[in-house]
Structure formats: C-alpha cells, structure tokens
C-alpha cells in the first residue's frame, strides 16, 4: 500500500532513498527530502508491506503528467515485485494521464513494464 510522505517518515525515507546511486550523499538526501516537502509538484510515497516501510517512490508532476524521479526498495525486499506494485498504484493515486520515468530510473521502469507484459 502506498502512503503519502509525512515528516514522521523522514529518516526511513532518507534511508530508502540512499540506496539510489545519485542519492548517497547526506547533503544531497536532505536537499531531495526538502524538495519533496516544499514543492507542491513533487510527491513522495512509501510502500508499506505488512508493518514495514520497504519502498519509496517520488514523482514530479507537470499538469496531468507524472515523471518518476526516485524509486527504491529495501534490499531485503527486492525481487518481490514491490517496485512494480508501486508503479502500478501511482497512476491511480495521482490521477495522471501519463507516467514516465526519469533517465535515472528508466532501466528499472522498463523492466517493470516488461514484467507486466508477461502477465
């Protein structure tokens, strides 16, 4: 289940985002979290599985189009389809007509799309 980011999730959000190569630096992580907290066009969601927050996905909105900026899954939950489920749930929550990946997450996004085609 996707949960909208709130300040109480800041530390877990930073931890999940730190698994992304471009978000390793603490200063960069703080800037990214600040962007999601202050920019009304940036939306951050966490994925709750059972009682744990195991994934994170961030989207920048342009009118009715969404661009996935960040997506990360805890290493202990990789290979379970968490990333694919987060992407599938985004369009419903954001009411977007189009959802596209940023260049940074494009390979992962395409992998998820290919898995959907196999179903």
PDB file of N, CA and C in Angstrom:
ATOM      1  N   UNK A   1       0.846  -1.176   0.000  1.00  0.00           N
ATOM      2  CA  UNK A   1       0.000   0.000   0.000  1.00  0.00           C
ATOM      3  C   UNK A   1       0.893   1.241   0.000  1.00  0.00           C
ATOM      4  N   UNK A   2       0.580   2.181  -0.876  1.00  0.00           N
ATOM      5  CA  UNK A   2       1.316   3.443  -0.927  1.00  0.00           C
ATOM      6  C   UNK A   2       0.789   4.410   0.121  1.00  0.00           C
ATOM      7  N   UNK A   3       1.709   5.000   0.866  1.00  0.00           N
ATOM      8  CA  UNK A   3       1.375   6.020   1.850  1.00  0.00           C
ATOM      9  C   UNK A   3       2.051   7.320   1.450  1.00  0.00           C
ATOM     10  N   UNK A   4       1.329   8.416   1.543  1.00  0.00           N
ATOM     11  CA  UNK A   4       1.913   9.718   1.239  1.00  0.00           C
ATOM     12  C   UNK A   4       2.946  10.071   2.307  1.00  0.00           C
ATOM     13  N   UNK A   5       4.072  10.636   1.871  1.00  0.00           N
ATOM     14  CA  UNK A   5       5.145  11.038   2.782  1.00  0.00           C
ATOM     15  C   UNK A   5       4.632  12.053   3.795  1.00  0.00           C
ATOM     16  N   UNK A   6       5.114  11.913   5.022  1.00  0.00           N
ATOM     17  CA  UNK A   6       4.931  12.931   6.042  1.00  0.00           C
ATOM     18  C   UNK A   6       6.224  13.007   6.848  1.00  0.00           C
ATOM     19  N   UNK A   7       6.388  14.097   7.570  1.00  0.00           N
ATOM     20  CA  UNK A   7       7.640  14.380   8.282  1.00  0.00           C
ATOM     21  C   UNK A   7       8.065  13.219   9.196  1.00  0.00           C
ATOM     22  N   UNK A   8       7.131  12.509   9.766  1.00  0.00           N
ATOM     23  CA  UNK A   8       7.448  11.376  10.642  1.00  0.00           C
ATOM     24  C   UNK A   8       8.210  10.275   9.903  1.00  0.00           C
ATOM     25  N   UNK A   9       8.105  10.247   8.560  1.00  0.00           N
ATOM     26  CA  UNK A   9       8.786   9.234   7.751  1.00  0.00           C
ATOM     27  C   UNK A   9      10.144   9.706   7.237  1.00  0.00           C
ATOM     28  N   UNK A  10      10.617  10.860   7.695  1.00  0.00           N
ATOM     29  CA  UNK A  10      11.827  11.450   7.123  1.00  0.00           C
ATOM     30  C   UNK A  10      13.038  10.512   7.175  1.00  0.00           C
ATOM     31  N   UNK A  11      13.323   9.930   8.325  1.00  0.00           N
ATOM     32  CA  UNK A  11      14.526   9.079   8.450  1.00  0.00           C
ATOM     33  C   UNK A  11      14.433   7.825   7.594  1.00  0.00           C
ATOM     34  N   UNK A  12      13.305   7.142   7.620  1.00  0.00           N
ATOM     35  CA  UNK A  12      13.163   5.944   6.790  1.00  0.00           C
ATOM     36  C   UNK A  12      13.199   6.318   5.322  1.00  0.00           C
ATOM     37  N   UNK A  13      12.647   7.471   4.967  1.00  0.00           N
ATOM     38  CA  UNK A  13      12.676   7.935   3.575  1.00  0.00           C
ATOM     39  C   UNK A  13      14.101   8.186   3.123  1.00  0.00           C
ATOM     40  N   UNK A  14      14.867   8.842   3.962  1.00  0.00           N
ATOM     41  CA  UNK A  14      16.275   9.094   3.617  1.00  0.00           C
ATOM     42  C   UNK A  14      17.036   7.778   3.480  1.00  0.00           C
ATOM     43  N   UNK A  15      16.741   6.826   4.357  1.00  0.00           N
ATOM     44  CA  UNK A  15      17.401   5.525   4.275  1.00  0.00           C
ATOM     45  C   UNK A  15      17.077   4.807   2.977  1.00  0.00           C
ATOM     46  N   UNK A  16      15.808   4.811   2.583  1.00  0.00           N
ATOM     47  CA  UNK A  16      15.415   4.148   1.339  1.00  0.00           C
ATOM     48  C   UNK A  16      15.976   4.875   0.118  1.00  0.00           C
ATOM     49  N   UNK A  17      15.942   6.206   0.133  1.00  0.00           N
ATOM     50  CA  UNK A  17      16.498   6.969  -0.993  1.00  0.00           C
ATOM     51  C   UNK A  17      18.005   6.772  -1.121  1.00  0.00           C
ATOM     52  N   UNK A  18      18.682   6.524   0.002  1.00  0.00           N
ATOM     53  CA  UNK A  18      20.145   6.373  -0.039  1.00  0.00           C
ATOM     54  C   UNK A  18      20.592   5.139  -0.815  1.00  0.00           C
ATOM     55  N   UNK A  19      19.673   4.214  -1.118  1.00  0.00           N
ATOM     56  CA  UNK A  19      20.025   3.062  -1.943  1.00  0.00           C
ATOM     57  C   UNK A  19      20.180   3.437  -3.418  1.00  0.00           C
ATOM     58  N   UNK A  20      19.715   4.631  -3.791  1.00  0.00           N
ATOM     59  CA  UNK A  20      19.866   5.103  -5.175  1.00  0.00           C
ATOM     60  C   UNK A  20      21.264   5.708  -5.320  1.00  0.00           C
ATOM     61  N   UNK A  21      21.990   5.349  -6.377  1.00  0.00           N
ATOM     62  CA  UNK A  21      23.378   5.824  -6.532  1.00  0.00           C
ATOM     63  C   UNK A  21      23.538   7.341  -6.476  1.00  0.00           C
ATOM     64  N   UNK A  22      22.600   8.094  -7.053  1.00  0.00           N
ATOM     65  CA  UNK A  22      22.741   9.545  -7.084  1.00  0.00           C
ATOM     66  C   UNK A  22      22.335  10.197  -5.764  1.00  0.00           C
ATOM     67  N   UNK A  23      21.874   9.414  -4.797  1.00  0.00           N
ATOM     68  CA  UNK A  23      21.411   9.960  -3.516  1.00  0.00           C
ATOM     69  C   UNK A  23      22.249   9.471  -2.328  1.00  0.00           C
ATOM     70  N   UNK A  24      23.484   9.095  -2.553  1.00  0.00           N
ATOM     71  CA  UNK A  24      24.323   8.552  -1.488  1.00  0.00           C
ATOM     72  C   UNK A  24      24.739   9.605  -0.454  1.00  0.00           C
ATOM     73  N   UNK A  25      24.994  10.827  -0.898  1.00  0.00           N
ATOM     74  CA  UNK A  25      25.498  11.891  -0.046  1.00  0.00           C
ATOM     75  C   UNK A  25      24.394  12.432   0.875  1.00  0.00           C
ATOM     76  N   UNK A  26      24.695  12.610   2.161  1.00  0.00           N
ATOM     77  CA  UNK A  26      23.706  13.077   3.124  1.00  0.00           C
ATOM     78  C   UNK A  26      23.182  14.464   2.748  1.00  0.00           C
ATOM     79  N   UNK A  27      24.049  15.339   2.303  1.00  0.00           N
ATOM     80  CA  UNK A  27      23.627  16.688   1.906  1.00  0.00           C
ATOM     81  C   UNK A  27      22.623  16.606   0.744  1.00  0.00           C
ATOM     82  N   UNK A  28      22.909  15.754  -0.232  1.00  0.00           N
ATOM     83  CA  UNK A  28      22.018  15.566  -1.372  1.00  0.00           C
ATOM     84  C   UNK A  28      20.674  14.987  -0.915  1.00  0.00           C
ATOM     85  N   UNK A  29      20.717  14.025   0.003  1.00  0.00           N
ATOM     86  CA  UNK A  29      19.489  13.433   0.542  1.00  0.00           C
ATOM     87  C   UNK A  29      18.613  14.492   1.218  1.00  0.00           C
ATOM     88  N   UNK A  30      19.235  15.347   2.019  1.00  0.00           N
ATOM     89  CA  UNK A  30      18.490  16.405   2.694  1.00  0.00           C
ATOM     90  C   UNK A  30      17.862  17.368   1.693  1.00  0.00           C
ATOM     91  N   UNK A  31      18.594  17.694   0.630  1.00  0.00           N
ATOM     92  CA  UNK A  31      18.058  18.568  -0.414  1.00  0.00           C
ATOM     93  C   UNK A  31      16.857  17.910  -1.108  1.00  0.00           C
ATOM     94  N   UNK A  32      16.979  16.627  -1.387  1.00  0.00           N
ATOM     95  CA  UNK A  32      15.893  15.896  -2.055  1.00  0.00           C
ATOM     96  C   UNK A  32      14.643  15.857  -1.176  1.00  0.00           C
ATOM     97  N   UNK A  33      14.800  15.510   0.095  1.00  0.00           N
ATOM     98  CA  UNK A  33      13.668  15.465   1.016  1.00  0.00           C
ATOM     99  C   UNK A  33      13.034  16.852   1.123  1.00  0.00           C
ATOM    100  N   UNK A  34      13.859  17.889   1.222  1.00  0.00           N
ATOM    101  CA  UNK A  34      13.349  19.262   1.298  1.00  0.00           C
ATOM    102  C   UNK A  34      12.521  19.607   0.053  1.00  0.00           C
ATOM    103  N   UNK A  35      12.989  19.179  -1.112  1.00  0.00           N
ATOM    104  CA  UNK A  35      12.259  19.426  -2.360  1.00  0.00           C
ATOM    105  C   UNK A  35      10.863  18.795  -2.295  1.00  0.00           C
ATOM    106  N   UNK A  36      10.801  17.548  -1.831  1.00  0.00           N
ATOM    107  CA  UNK A  36       9.503  16.867  -1.718  1.00  0.00           C
ATOM    108  C   UNK A  36       8.598  17.519  -0.671  1.00  0.00           C
ATOM    109  N   UNK A  37       9.193  18.064   0.393  1.00  0.00           N
ATOM    110  CA  UNK A  37       8.395  18.691   1.448  1.00  0.00           C
ATOM    111  C   UNK A  37       7.857  20.066   1.052  1.00  0.00           C
ATOM    112  N   UNK A  38       8.571  20.771   0.174  1.00  0.00           N
ATOM    113  CA  UNK A  38       8.212  22.165  -0.103  1.00  0.00           C
ATOM    114  C   UNK A  38       7.612  22.422  -1.478  1.00  0.00           C
ATOM    115  N   UNK A  39       7.904  21.600  -2.457  1.00  0.00           N
ATOM    116  CA  UNK A  39       7.412  21.830  -3.815  1.00  0.00           C
ATOM    117  C   UNK A  39       6.081  21.099  -4.011  1.00  0.00           C
ATOM    118  N   UNK A  40       5.006  21.819  -4.280  1.00  0.00           N
ATOM    119  CA  UNK A  40       3.695  21.166  -4.424  1.00  0.00           C
ATOM    120  C   UNK A  40       3.588  20.241  -5.639  1.00  0.00           C
ATOM    121  N   UNK A  41       4.537  20.318  -6.564  1.00  0.00           N
ATOM    122  CA  UNK A  41       4.527  19.451  -7.743  1.00  0.00           C
ATOM    123  C   UNK A  41       5.333  18.168  -7.539  1.00  0.00           C
ATOM    124  N   UNK A  42       6.011  18.056  -6.408  1.00  0.00           N
ATOM    125  CA  UNK A  42       6.797  16.861  -6.104  1.00  0.00           C
ATOM    126  C   UNK A  42       6.061  16.058  -5.037  1.00  0.00           C
ATOM    127  N   UNK A  43       5.858  14.763  -5.301  1.00  0.00           N
ATOM    128  CA  UNK A  43       5.096  13.899  -4.397  1.00  0.00           C
ATOM    129  C   UNK A  43       5.930  12.663  -4.061  1.00  0.00           C
ATOM    130  N   UNK A  44       6.013  12.351  -2.773  1.00  0.00           N
ATOM    131  CA  UNK A  44       6.787  11.212  -2.306  1.00  0.00           C
ATOM    132  C   UNK A  44       5.849  10.240  -1.596  1.00  0.00           C
ATOM    133  N   UNK A  45       6.013   8.956  -1.912  1.00  0.00           N
ATOM    134  CA  UNK A  45       5.181   7.908  -1.324  1.00  0.00           C
ATOM    135  C   UNK A  45       6.060   6.781  -0.818  1.00  0.00           C
ATOM    136  N   UNK A  46       5.639   6.156   0.254  1.00  0.00           N
ATOM    137  CA  UNK A  46       6.325   4.984   0.792  1.00  0.00           C
ATOM    138  C   UNK A  46       5.421   3.781   0.644  1.00  0.00           C
ATOM    139  N   UNK A  47       6.028   2.620   0.434  1.00  0.00           N
ATOM    140  CA  UNK A  47       5.277   1.378   0.274  1.00  0.00           C
ATOM    141  C   UNK A  47       5.313   0.616   1.584  1.00  0.00           C
ATOM    142  N   UNK A  48       4.137   0.315   2.098  1.00  0.00           N
ATOM    143  CA  UNK A  48       4.020  -0.436   3.343  1.00  0.00           C
ATOM    144  C   UNK A  48       3.648  -1.870   3.023  1.00  0.00           C
ATOM    145  N   UNK A  49       4.479  -2.785   3.496  1.00  0.00           N
ATOM    146  CA  UNK A  49       4.229  -4.216   3.317  1.00  0.00           C
ATOM    147  C   UNK A  49       4.177  -4.820   4.713  1.00  0.00           C
ATOM    148  N   UNK A  50       3.079  -5.427   5.038  1.00  0.00           N
ATOM    149  CA  UNK A  50       2.828  -5.887   6.401  1.00  0.00           C
ATOM    150  C   UNK A  50       2.919  -4.660   7.311  1.00  0.00           C
ATOM    151  N   UNK A  51       3.857  -4.622   8.220  1.00  0.00           N
ATOM    152  CA  UNK A  51       4.002  -3.468   9.116  1.00  0.00           C
ATOM    153  C   UNK A  51       5.243  -2.635   8.795  1.00  0.00           C
ATOM    154  N   UNK A  52       5.967  -2.985   7.740  1.00  0.00           N
ATOM    155  CA  UNK A  52       7.233  -2.324   7.427  1.00  0.00           C
ATOM    156  C   UNK A  52       7.113  -1.413   6.214  1.00  0.00           C
ATOM    157  N   UNK A  53       7.866  -0.303   6.237  1.00  0.00           N
ATOM    158  CA  UNK A  53       8.002   0.573   5.075  1.00  0.00           C
ATOM    159  C   UNK A  53       9.204   0.063   4.293  1.00  0.00           C
ATOM    160  N   UNK A  54       8.968  -0.492   3.102  1.00  0.00           N
ATOM    161  CA  UNK A  54      10.028  -1.205   2.386  1.00  0.00           C
ATOM    162  C   UNK A  54      10.396  -0.592   1.038  1.00  0.00           C
ATOM    163  N   UNK A  55       9.657   0.416   0.602  1.00  0.00           N
ATOM    164  CA  UNK A  55       9.946   1.030  -0.694  1.00  0.00           C
ATOM    165  C   UNK A  55       9.570   2.492  -0.687  1.00  0.00           C
ATOM    166  N   UNK A  56      10.112   3.211  -1.662  1.00  0.00           N
ATOM    167  CA  UNK A  56       9.816   4.639  -1.788  1.00  0.00           C
ATOM    168  C   UNK A  56       9.774   4.998  -3.266  1.00  0.00           C
ATOM    169  N   UNK A  57       8.878   5.900  -3.620  1.00  0.00           N
ATOM    170  CA  UNK A  57       8.775   6.368  -4.998  1.00  0.00           C
ATOM    171  C   UNK A  57       8.421   7.851  -4.967  1.00  0.00           C
ATOM    172  N   UNK A  58       9.124   8.622  -5.776  1.00  0.00           N
ATOM    173  CA  UNK A  58       8.899  10.054  -5.846  1.00  0.00           C
ATOM    174  C   UNK A  58       8.574  10.492  -7.263  1.00  0.00           C
ATOM    175  N   UNK A  59       7.576  11.371  -7.382  1.00  0.00           N
ATOM    176  CA  UNK A  59       7.086  11.799  -8.691  1.00  0.00           C
ATOM    177  C   UNK A  59       7.040  13.326  -8.751  1.00  0.00           C
ATOM    178  N   UNK A  60       7.461  13.866  -9.892  1.00  0.00           N
ATOM    179  CA  UNK A  60       7.323  15.295 -10.178  1.00  0.00           C
ATOM    180  C   UNK A  60       6.190  15.429 -11.182  1.00  0.00           C
ATOM    181  N   UNK A  61       5.200  16.268 -10.855  1.00  0.00           N
ATOM    182  CA  UNK A  61       4.028  16.421 -11.718  1.00  0.00           C
ATOM    183  C   UNK A  61       4.174  17.641 -12.625  1.00  0.00           C
ATOM    184  N   UNK A  62       3.746  17.476 -13.877  1.00  0.00           N
ATOM    185  CA  UNK A  62       3.626  18.555 -14.859  1.00  0.00           C
ATOM    186  C   UNK A  62       2.202  18.488 -15.372  1.00  0.00           C
ATOM    187  N   UNK A  63       1.342  19.368 -14.894  1.00  0.00           N
ATOM    188  CA  UNK A  63      -0.078  19.341 -15.247  1.00  0.00           C
ATOM    189  C   UNK A  63      -0.654  17.966 -14.921  1.00  0.00           C
ATOM    190  N   UNK A  64      -0.982  17.159 -15.928  1.00  0.00           N
ATOM    191  CA  UNK A  64      -1.541  15.830 -15.667  1.00  0.00           C
ATOM    192  C   UNK A  64      -0.534  14.711 -15.916  1.00  0.00           C
ATOM    193  N   UNK A  65       0.701  15.056 -16.219  1.00  0.00           N
ATOM    194  CA  UNK A  65       1.744  14.063 -16.474  1.00  0.00           C
ATOM    195  C   UNK A  65       2.659  13.943 -15.266  1.00  0.00           C
ATOM    196  N   UNK A  66       3.067  12.718 -14.965  1.00  0.00           N
ATOM    197  CA  UNK A  66       3.986  12.471 -13.864  1.00  0.00           C
ATOM    198  C   UNK A  66       5.307  11.915 -14.363  1.00  0.00           C
ATOM    199  N   UNK A  67       6.389  12.380 -13.747  1.00  0.00           N
ATOM    200  CA  UNK A  67       7.725  11.876 -14.062  1.00  0.00           C
ATOM    201  C   UNK A  67       8.278  11.262 -12.781  1.00  0.00           C
ATOM    202  N   UNK A  68       8.542   9.960 -12.834  1.00  0.00           N
ATOM    203  CA  UNK A  68       9.072   9.274 -11.658  1.00  0.00           C
ATOM    204  C   UNK A  68      10.536   9.684 -11.504  1.00  0.00           C
ATOM    205  N   UNK A  69      10.831  10.366 -10.414  1.00  0.00           N
ATOM    206  CA  UNK A  69      12.177  10.877 -10.141  1.00  0.00           C
ATOM    207  C   UNK A  69      13.010   9.871  -9.338  1.00  0.00           C
ATOM    208  N   UNK A  70      12.376   9.201  -8.396  1.00  0.00           N
ATOM    209  CA  UNK A  70      13.077   8.294  -7.488  1.00  0.00           C
ATOM    210  C   UNK A  70      12.233   7.041  -7.287  1.00  0.00           C
ATOM    211  N   UNK A  71      12.930   5.918  -7.185  1.00  0.00           N
ATOM    212  CA  UNK A  71      12.269   4.676  -6.780  1.00  0.00           C
ATOM    213  C   UNK A  71      13.331   3.775  -6.168  1.00  0.00           C
ATOM    214  N   UNK A  72      13.004   3.225  -5.016  1.00  0.00           N
ATOM    215  CA  UNK A  72      13.966   2.394  -4.309  1.00  0.00           C
ATOM    216  C   UNK A  72      13.222   1.392  -3.436  1.00  0.00           C
ATOM    217  N   UNK A  73      13.795   0.213  -3.313  1.00  0.00           N
ATOM    218  CA  UNK A  73      13.231  -0.850  -2.491  1.00  0.00           C
ATOM    219  C   UNK A  73      14.321  -1.350  -1.555  1.00  0.00           C
ATOM    220  N   UNK A  74      13.961  -1.591  -0.328  1.00  0.00           N
ATOM    221  CA  UNK A  74      14.901  -2.134   0.651  1.00  0.00           C
ATOM    222  C   UNK A  74      15.519  -3.421   0.097  1.00  0.00           C
ATOM    223  N   UNK A  75      16.834  -3.589   0.240  1.00  0.00           N
ATOM    224  CA  UNK A  75      17.481  -4.799  -0.299  1.00  0.00           C
ATOM    225  C   UNK A  75      16.856  -6.108   0.185  1.00  0.00           C
ATOM    226  N   UNK A  76      16.335  -6.132   1.396  1.00  0.00           N
ATOM    227  CA  UNK A  76      15.745  -7.367   1.911  1.00  0.00           C
ATOM    228  C   UNK A  76      14.390  -7.694   1.285  1.00  0.00           C
ATOM    229  N   UNK A  77      13.832  -6.760   0.484  1.00  0.00           N
ATOM    230  CA  UNK A  77      12.540  -6.993  -0.158  1.00  0.00           C
ATOM    231  C   UNK A  77      12.625  -6.927  -1.680  1.00  0.00           C
ATOM    232  N   UNK A  78      13.821  -6.910  -2.219  1.00  0.00           N
ATOM    233  CA  UNK A  78      13.969  -6.868  -3.678  1.00  0.00           C
ATOM    234  C   UNK A  78      13.603  -8.223  -4.270  1.00  0.00           C
ATOM    235  N   UNK A  79      13.107  -8.191  -5.483  1.00  0.00           N
ATOM    236  CA  UNK A  79      12.694  -9.415  -6.156  1.00  0.00           C
ATOM    237  C   UNK A  79      11.300  -9.887  -5.779  1.00  0.00           C
ATOM    238  N   UNK A  80      10.598  -9.102  -4.972  1.00  0.00           N
ATOM    239  CA  UNK A  80       9.248  -9.473  -4.534  1.00  0.00           C
ATOM    240  C   UNK A  80       8.160  -8.705  -5.291  1.00  0.00           C
ATOM    241  N   UNK A  81       8.549  -7.884  -6.258  1.00  0.00           N
ATOM    242  CA  UNK A  81       7.567  -7.128  -7.031  1.00  0.00           C
ATOM    243  C   UNK A  81       7.127  -5.820  -6.398  1.00  0.00           C
ATOM    244  N   UNK A  82       7.838  -5.358  -5.371  1.00  0.00           N
ATOM    245  CA  UNK A  82       7.462  -4.126  -4.679  1.00  0.00           C
ATOM    246  C   UNK A  82       7.545  -2.928  -5.626  1.00  0.00           C
ATOM    247  N   UNK A  83       8.628  -2.800  -6.377  1.00  0.00           N
ATOM    248  CA  UNK A  83       8.781  -1.682  -7.311  1.00  0.00           C
ATOM    249  C   UNK A  83       7.682  -1.651  -8.346  1.00  0.00           C
ATOM    250  N   UNK A  84       7.369  -2.802  -8.891  1.00  0.00           N
ATOM    251  CA  UNK A  84       6.299  -2.907  -9.897  1.00  0.00           C
ATOM    252  C   UNK A  84       4.960  -2.498  -9.295  1.00  0.00           C
ATOM    253  N   UNK A  85       4.669  -2.948  -8.073  1.00  0.00           N
ATOM    254  CA  UNK A  85       3.406  -2.588  -7.425  1.00  0.00           C
ATOM    255  C   UNK A  85       3.332  -1.091  -7.160  1.00  0.00           C
ATOM    256  N   UNK A  86       4.441  -0.483  -6.751  1.00  0.00           N
ATOM    257  CA  UNK A  86       4.436   0.960  -6.505  1.00  0.00           C
ATOM    258  C   UNK A  86       4.098   1.711  -7.794  1.00  0.00           C
ATOM    259  N   UNK A  87       4.735   1.336  -8.890  1.00  0.00           N
ATOM    260  CA  UNK A  87       4.490   1.998 -10.180  1.00  0.00           C
ATOM    261  C   UNK A  87       3.027   1.821 -10.600  1.00  0.00           C
ATOM    262  N   UNK A  88       2.492   0.618 -10.445  1.00  0.00           N
ATOM    263  CA  UNK A  88       1.104   0.351 -10.840  1.00  0.00           C
ATOM    264  C   UNK A  88       0.110   1.182 -10.029  1.00  0.00           C
ATOM    265  N   UNK A  89       0.403   1.426  -8.766  1.00  0.00           N
ATOM    266  CA  UNK A  89      -0.502   2.167  -7.894  1.00  0.00           C
ATOM    267  C   UNK A  89      -0.396   3.680  -8.046  1.00  0.00           C
ATOM    268  N   UNK A  90       0.698   4.170  -8.611  1.00  0.00           N
ATOM    269  CA  UNK A  90       0.906   5.618  -8.724  1.00  0.00           C
ATOM    270  C   UNK A  90      -0.157   6.323  -9.556  1.00  0.00           C
ATOM    271  N   UNK A  91      -0.467   5.778 -10.729  1.00  0.00           N
ATOM    272  CA  UNK A  91      -1.426   6.453 -11.607  1.00  0.00           C
ATOM    273  C   UNK A  91      -2.788   6.615 -10.941  1.00  0.00           C
ATOM    274  N   UNK A  92      -3.198   5.634 -10.190  1.00  0.00           N
ATOM    275  CA  UNK A  92      -4.477   5.710  -9.501  1.00  0.00           C
ATOM    276  C   UNK A  92      -4.468   6.799  -8.439  1.00  0.00           C
ATOM    277  N   UNK A  93      -3.420   6.846  -7.655  1.00  0.00           N
ATOM    278  CA  UNK A  93      -3.327   7.819  -6.567  1.00  0.00           C
ATOM    279  C   UNK A  93      -3.180   9.243  -7.102  1.00  0.00           C
ATOM    280  N   UNK A  94      -2.363   9.418  -8.139  1.00  0.00           N
ATOM    281  CA  UNK A  94      -2.087  10.760  -8.658  1.00  0.00           C
ATOM    282  C   UNK A  94      -3.072  11.208  -9.729  1.00  0.00           C
ATOM    283  N   UNK A  95      -3.916  10.306 -10.210  1.00  0.00           N
ATOM    284  CA  UNK A  95      -4.869  10.628 -11.275  1.00  0.00           C
ATOM    285  C   UNK A  95      -4.160  11.217 -12.498  1.00  0.00           C
ATOM    286  N   UNK A  96      -3.064  10.573 -12.910  1.00  0.00           N
ATOM    287  CA  UNK A  96      -2.294  11.053 -14.050  1.00  0.00           C
ATOM    288  C   UNK A  96      -2.774  10.399 -15.332  1.00  0.00           C
ATOM    289  N   UNK A  97      -2.570  11.104 -16.435  1.00  0.00           N
ATOM    290  CA  UNK A  97      -2.855  10.513 -17.738  1.00  0.00           C
ATOM    291  C   UNK A  97      -1.606   9.819 -18.274  1.00  0.00           C
ATOM    292  N   UNK A  98      -0.443  10.316 -17.894  1.00  0.00           N
ATOM    293  CA  UNK A  98       0.826   9.752 -18.348  1.00  0.00           C
ATOM    294  C   UNK A  98       1.797   9.680 -17.184  1.00  0.00           C
ATOM    295  N   UNK A  99       2.514   8.570 -17.091  1.00  0.00           N
ATOM    296  CA  UNK A  99       3.533   8.376 -16.074  1.00  0.00           C
ATOM    297  C   UNK A  99       4.786   7.881 -16.773  1.00  0.00           C
ATOM    298  N   UNK A 100       5.855   8.659 -16.696  1.00  0.00           N
ATOM    299  CA  UNK A 100       7.103   8.328 -17.377  1.00  0.00           C
ATOM    300  C   UNK A 100       8.258   8.322 -16.385  1.00  0.00           C
ATOM    301  N   UNK A 101       9.302   7.545 -16.658  1.00  0.00           N
ATOM    302  CA  UNK A 101      10.464   7.541 -15.771  1.00  0.00           C
ATOM    303  C   UNK A 101      11.447   8.653 -16.121  1.00  0.00           C
ATOM    304  N   UNK A 102      12.194   9.103 -15.133  1.00  0.00           N
ATOM    305  CA  UNK A 102      13.333   9.978 -15.409  1.00  0.00           C
ATOM    306  C   UNK A 102      14.437   9.098 -15.994  1.00  0.00           C
ATOM    307  N   UNK A 103      15.458   9.708 -16.530  1.00  0.00           N
ATOM    308  CA  UNK A 103      16.565   8.932 -17.110  1.00  0.00           C
ATOM    309  C   UNK A 103      17.225   8.033 -16.068  1.00  0.00           C
ATOM    310  N   UNK A 104      17.302   8.488 -14.818  1.00  0.00           N
ATOM    311  CA  UNK A 104      17.961   7.717 -13.761  1.00  0.00           C
ATOM    312  C   UNK A 104      17.275   6.392 -13.471  1.00  0.00           C
ATOM    313  N   UNK A 105      15.967   6.354 -13.578  1.00  0.00           N
ATOM    314  CA  UNK A 105      15.260   5.118 -13.220  1.00  0.00           C
ATOM    315  C   UNK A 105      14.660   4.398 -14.422  1.00  0.00           C
ATOM    316  N   UNK A 106      14.952   4.881 -15.611  1.00  0.00           N
ATOM    317  CA  UNK A 106      14.377   4.305 -16.831  1.00  0.00           C
ATOM    318  C   UNK A 106      14.621   2.790 -16.977  1.00  0.00           C
ATOM    319  N   UNK A 107      15.843   2.288 -16.741  1.00  0.00           N
ATOM    320  CA  UNK A 107      16.050   0.830 -16.890  1.00  0.00           C
ATOM    321  C   UNK A 107      15.153   0.002 -15.951  1.00  0.00           C
ATOM    322  N   UNK A 108      15.017   0.444 -14.709  1.00  0.00           N
ATOM    323  CA  UNK A 108      14.171  -0.271 -13.756  1.00  0.00           C
ATOM    324  C   UNK A 108      12.704  -0.203 -14.178  1.00  0.00           C
ATOM    325  N   UNK A 109      12.261   0.972 -14.593  1.00  0.00           N
ATOM    326  CA  UNK A 109      10.882   1.172 -15.037  1.00  0.00           C
ATOM    327  C   UNK A 109      10.565   0.252 -16.219  1.00  0.00           C
ATOM    328  N   UNK A 110      11.456   0.191 -17.192  1.00  0.00           N
ATOM    329  CA  UNK A 110      11.236  -0.656 -18.366  1.00  0.00           C
ATOM    330  C   UNK A 110      11.193  -2.128 -17.986  1.00  0.00           C
ATOM    331  N   UNK A 111      11.999  -2.517 -17.028  1.00  0.00           N
ATOM    332  CA  UNK A 111      11.974  -3.899 -16.546  1.00  0.00           C
ATOM    333  C   UNK A 111      10.601  -4.213 -15.949  1.00  0.00           C
ATOM    334  N   UNK A 112      10.069  -3.285 -15.170  1.00  0.00           N
ATOM    335  CA  UNK A 112       8.737  -3.479 -14.585  1.00  0.00           C
ATOM    336  C   UNK A 112       7.662  -3.568 -15.659  1.00  0.00           C
ATOM    337  N   UNK A 113       7.782  -2.759 -16.707  1.00  0.00           N
ATOM    338  CA  UNK A 113       6.809  -2.778 -17.794  1.00  0.00           C
ATOM    339  C   UNK A 113       6.866  -4.118 -18.535  1.00  0.00           C
ATOM    340  N   UNK A 114       8.065  -4.641 -18.755  1.00  0.00           N
ATOM    341  CA  UNK A 114       8.200  -5.940 -19.435  1.00  0.00           C
ATOM    342  C   UNK A 114       7.583  -7.047 -18.591  1.00  0.00           C
ATOM    343  N   UNK A 115       7.741  -6.989 -17.265  1.00  0.00           N
ATOM    344  CA  UNK A 115       7.135  -7.995 -16.391  1.00  0.00           C
ATOM    345  C   UNK A 115       5.615  -7.913 -16.489  1.00  0.00           C
ATOM    346  N   UNK A 116       5.060  -6.702 -16.617  1.00  0.00           N
ATOM    347  CA  UNK A 116       3.607  -6.555 -16.763  1.00  0.00           C
ATOM    348  C   UNK A 116       3.125  -7.198 -18.048  1.00  0.00           C
ATOM    349  N   UNK A 117       3.921  -7.053 -19.137  1.00  0.00           N
ATOM    350  CA  UNK A 117       3.541  -7.631 -20.430  1.00  0.00           C
ATOM    351  C   UNK A 117       3.531  -9.147 -20.386  1.00  0.00           C
ATOM    352  N   UNK A 118       4.365  -9.746 -19.512  1.00  0.00           N
ATOM    353  CA  UNK A 118       4.447 -11.188 -19.404  1.00  0.00           C
ATOM    354  C   UNK A 118       3.249 -11.793 -18.668  1.00  0.00           C
ATOM    355  N   UNK A 119       2.512 -10.960 -17.942  1.00  0.00           N
ATOM    356  CA  UNK A 119       1.386 -11.483 -17.145  1.00  0.00           C
ATOM    357  C   UNK A 119       0.188 -11.811 -18.004  1.00  0.00           C
TER     358      UNK A 119
END
